[in-house]
N, C-alpha and C. Protein backbone atom coordinates (compact mmCIF):
# COMPACT_ATOMS: atom_id res chain seq x y z
N UNK A 1 -2.08 19.59 -1.52
CA UNK A 1 -0.80 18.93 -0.42
C UNK A 1 -0.51 19.25 0.36
N UNK A 2 -0.29 18.82 1.08
CA UNK A 2 -0.04 18.96 3.12
C UNK A 2 1.42 19.34 3.05
N UNK A 3 1.66 20.04 3.63
CA UNK A 3 2.97 21.30 4.06
C UNK A 3 3.96 19.70 4.24
N UNK A 4 3.81 19.09 4.73
CA UNK A 4 5.74 18.31 5.15
C UNK A 4 5.05 17.44 4.56
N UNK A 5 4.57 17.61 2.98
CA UNK A 5 4.80 16.95 1.98
C UNK A 5 4.82 17.55 1.35
N UNK A 6 5.26 19.29 1.02
CA UNK A 6 5.86 19.47 0.38
C UNK A 6 7.15 19.89 0.27
N UNK A 7 7.17 20.17 1.91
CA UNK A 7 8.70 20.40 2.21
C UNK A 7 9.29 18.82 2.20
N UNK A 8 8.74 17.36 2.35
CA UNK A 8 9.82 16.70 1.70
C UNK A 8 10.01 16.69 0.21
N UNK A 9 8.94 16.82 -0.39
CA UNK A 9 9.59 16.68 -1.79
C UNK A 9 10.06 18.12 -2.02
N UNK A 10 10.13 18.62 -1.33
CA UNK A 10 11.51 20.26 -2.03
C UNK A 10 12.56 19.48 -1.44
N UNK A 11 12.55 19.23 -0.51
CA UNK A 11 13.96 18.24 -0.13
C UNK A 11 14.74 17.28 -0.99
N UNK A 12 13.29 16.68 -1.34
CA UNK A 12 14.12 15.57 -1.98
C UNK A 12 14.04 16.05 -3.36
N UNK A 13 13.86 17.07 -3.73
CA UNK A 13 14.57 18.11 -5.43
C UNK A 13 15.17 18.49 -5.23
N UNK A 14 15.25 19.50 -4.57
CA UNK A 14 17.23 19.75 -3.92
C UNK A 14 18.54 18.62 -4.05
N UNK A 15 17.68 17.61 -3.51
CA UNK A 15 18.85 16.21 -3.66
C UNK A 15 19.37 15.67 -4.76
N UNK A 16 18.27 16.07 -5.68
CA UNK A 16 18.70 15.78 -6.60
C UNK A 16 19.41 16.26 -7.94
N UNK A 17 18.71 17.79 -7.51
CA UNK A 17 20.03 19.15 -8.25
C UNK A 17 21.17 18.96 -8.41
N UNK A 18 22.02 18.33 -6.80
CA UNK A 18 22.86 18.33 -6.16
C UNK A 18 23.92 17.02 -6.72
N UNK A 19 22.44 16.59 -6.98
CA UNK A 19 23.16 14.71 -7.57
C UNK A 19 23.87 14.84 -8.95
N UNK A 20 22.70 15.70 -9.94
CA UNK A 20 22.75 16.27 -11.06
C UNK A 20 24.04 17.17 -11.30
N UNK A 21 24.32 18.26 -10.99
CA UNK A 21 24.96 19.30 -10.76
C UNK A 21 26.57 18.64 -10.48
N UNK A 22 26.68 17.74 -8.80
CA UNK A 22 27.79 16.84 -9.09
C UNK A 22 27.92 15.99 -10.56
N UNK A 23 26.94 15.91 -10.94
CA UNK A 23 27.96 14.32 -12.00
C UNK A 23 27.94 15.02 -12.87
N UNK A 24 27.60 16.04 -13.36
CA UNK A 24 28.33 17.04 -14.36
C UNK A 24 29.63 17.62 -14.19
N UNK A 25 29.97 18.04 -12.89
CA UNK A 25 31.06 18.88 -12.73
C UNK A 25 31.82 16.77 -12.82
N UNK A 26 31.65 16.44 -12.53
CA UNK A 26 32.69 14.95 -11.29
C UNK A 26 32.68 14.52 -13.85
N UNK A 27 31.89 14.26 -13.82
CA UNK A 27 32.24 13.66 -15.96
C UNK A 27 33.22 14.61 -16.34
N UNK A 28 32.75 16.06 -16.29
CA UNK A 28 33.51 16.98 -17.36
C UNK A 28 35.12 17.10 -16.64
N UNK A 29 35.43 16.75 -15.22
CA UNK A 29 36.94 17.46 -14.87
C UNK A 29 37.09 15.62 -15.12
N UNK A 30 36.43 14.58 -15.27
CA UNK A 30 37.64 13.13 -16.12
C UNK A 30 37.67 13.25 -17.21
N UNK A 31 36.87 13.22 -17.39
CA UNK A 31 36.04 13.12 -19.22
C UNK A 31 36.66 14.26 -20.35
N UNK A 32 36.62 15.65 -19.36
CA UNK A 32 36.70 16.53 -20.34
C UNK A 32 34.67 16.99 -20.67
N UNK A 33 34.71 17.94 -21.20
CA UNK A 33 32.89 18.13 -22.64
C UNK A 33 32.73 17.43 -23.39
N UNK A 34 32.57 16.50 -24.10
CA UNK A 34 32.67 15.74 -24.76
C UNK A 34 31.48 16.41 -25.26
N UNK A 35 30.13 16.43 -25.06
CA UNK A 35 29.21 17.17 -25.37
C UNK A 35 28.20 18.13 -24.44
N UNK A 36 28.88 19.36 -24.90
CA UNK A 36 28.59 20.30 -24.39
C UNK A 36 26.63 20.29 -24.44
N UNK A 37 26.16 20.09 -25.35
CA UNK A 37 24.72 20.16 -24.76
C UNK A 37 24.09 19.31 -24.61
N UNK A 38 24.59 18.56 -24.01
CA UNK A 38 24.73 17.38 -22.87
C UNK A 38 24.96 17.94 -21.37
N UNK A 39 25.33 18.58 -21.03
CA UNK A 39 25.81 19.10 -20.44
C UNK A 39 25.26 20.67 -19.79
N UNK A 40 24.74 21.54 -20.21
CA UNK A 40 24.04 22.71 -20.01
C UNK A 40 22.55 21.85 -20.44
N UNK A 41 22.19 21.19 -20.58
CA UNK A 41 21.00 20.97 -20.22
C UNK A 41 20.74 19.97 -19.11
N UNK A 42 21.57 19.19 -18.70
CA UNK A 42 21.69 18.85 -17.14
C UNK A 42 21.68 19.85 -16.30
N UNK A 43 22.43 20.91 -16.80
CA UNK A 43 22.65 21.75 -15.79
C UNK A 43 21.14 22.73 -15.86
N UNK A 44 20.19 22.79 -16.84
CA UNK A 44 19.02 23.38 -16.54
C UNK A 44 18.10 23.12 -16.32
N UNK A 45 18.56 21.88 -16.63
CA UNK A 45 17.18 20.72 -15.44
C UNK A 45 17.57 20.95 -14.04
N UNK A 46 18.69 20.65 -13.94
CA UNK A 46 19.45 20.90 -12.27
C UNK A 46 18.81 22.04 -11.52
N UNK A 47 18.99 23.01 -12.29
CA UNK A 47 18.67 24.46 -12.09
C UNK A 47 17.19 24.60 -12.20
N UNK A 48 16.79 24.13 -12.66
CA UNK A 48 14.72 23.68 -12.61
C UNK A 48 13.81 23.43 -11.23
N UNK A 49 14.97 21.92 -11.16
CA UNK A 49 14.37 21.12 -10.10
C UNK A 49 14.98 22.23 -8.37
N UNK A 50 16.21 22.82 -8.61
CA UNK A 50 16.48 23.43 -7.42
C UNK A 50 15.64 24.70 -6.90
N UNK A 51 14.92 25.25 -8.06
CA UNK A 51 14.15 26.14 -8.25
C UNK A 51 12.73 26.06 -7.12
N UNK A 52 12.12 24.59 -7.85
CA UNK A 52 10.65 24.35 -7.32
C UNK A 52 10.72 23.28 -6.46
N UNK A 53 12.11 22.79 -6.01
CA UNK A 53 12.26 22.65 -4.21
C UNK A 53 12.35 23.86 -3.67
N UNK A 54 12.85 25.55 -4.01
CA UNK A 54 13.05 26.05 -3.23
C UNK A 54 11.86 26.75 -3.09
N UNK A 55 11.06 26.61 -3.81
CA UNK A 55 9.65 27.64 -3.70
C UNK A 55 8.96 26.30 -2.94
N UNK A 56 8.63 25.05 -3.51
CA UNK A 56 7.76 23.93 -2.32
C UNK A 56 8.64 24.01 -0.92
N UNK A 57 9.22 24.59 -0.65
CA UNK A 57 9.93 24.68 0.75
C UNK A 57 9.92 25.95 1.05
N UNK A 58 9.10 27.06 1.11
CA UNK A 58 9.77 28.55 1.06
C UNK A 58 7.43 28.47 1.21
N UNK A 59 7.13 27.87 0.33
CA UNK A 59 5.44 27.30 0.60
C UNK A 59 5.18 26.51 2.33
N UNK A 60 5.14 26.07 2.35
CA UNK A 60 5.63 25.13 3.28
C UNK A 60 6.15 25.75 5.15
N UNK A 61 7.00 26.41 4.21
CA UNK A 61 7.72 27.02 5.70
C UNK A 61 6.54 28.73 6.33
N UNK A 62 5.99 29.35 5.22
CA UNK A 62 5.39 30.38 5.20
C UNK A 62 4.04 30.18 5.67
N UNK A 63 3.76 28.71 4.65
CA UNK A 63 2.41 27.71 5.79
C UNK A 63 1.81 27.84 7.18
N UNK A 64 3.26 27.54 8.09
CA UNK A 64 3.87 27.10 8.82
C UNK A 64 3.58 28.32 9.68
N UNK A 65 4.28 29.39 9.28
CA UNK A 65 4.45 30.31 10.11
C UNK A 65 2.86 31.41 10.41
N UNK A 66 2.56 31.03 9.15
CA UNK A 66 0.77 31.31 9.03
C UNK A 66 -0.29 31.47 9.92
N UNK A 67 0.13 29.74 10.37
CA UNK A 67 -0.53 29.15 11.29
C UNK A 67 -0.41 29.00 12.60
N UNK A 68 1.10 29.57 12.76
CA UNK A 68 1.62 30.00 13.95
C UNK A 68 1.23 31.12 14.43
N UNK A 69 1.09 32.23 14.12
CA UNK A 69 0.76 33.70 13.90
C UNK A 69 -0.83 33.46 14.24
N UNK A 70 -1.78 33.04 13.96
CA UNK A 70 -3.10 32.58 14.38
C UNK A 70 -3.45 32.29 15.00
N UNK A 71 -2.66 31.52 15.54
CA UNK A 71 -2.90 30.58 17.06
C UNK A 71 -2.68 31.44 18.23
């Protein structure tokens, strides 16, 4: 996977994580937490997506800095 693709995928995963967290927050604000299990699962999934996105972005930026140092 190329560095540019890793960075784009990382950005996309960060966006999805933000949307999930926003959906959980808005749903719990308007309806209350009806099923805590679903809210916890959504937060865990968004946390996982956030972590994977950060890993992809860090991997692509570290590879770019290594290439720039070799030149």
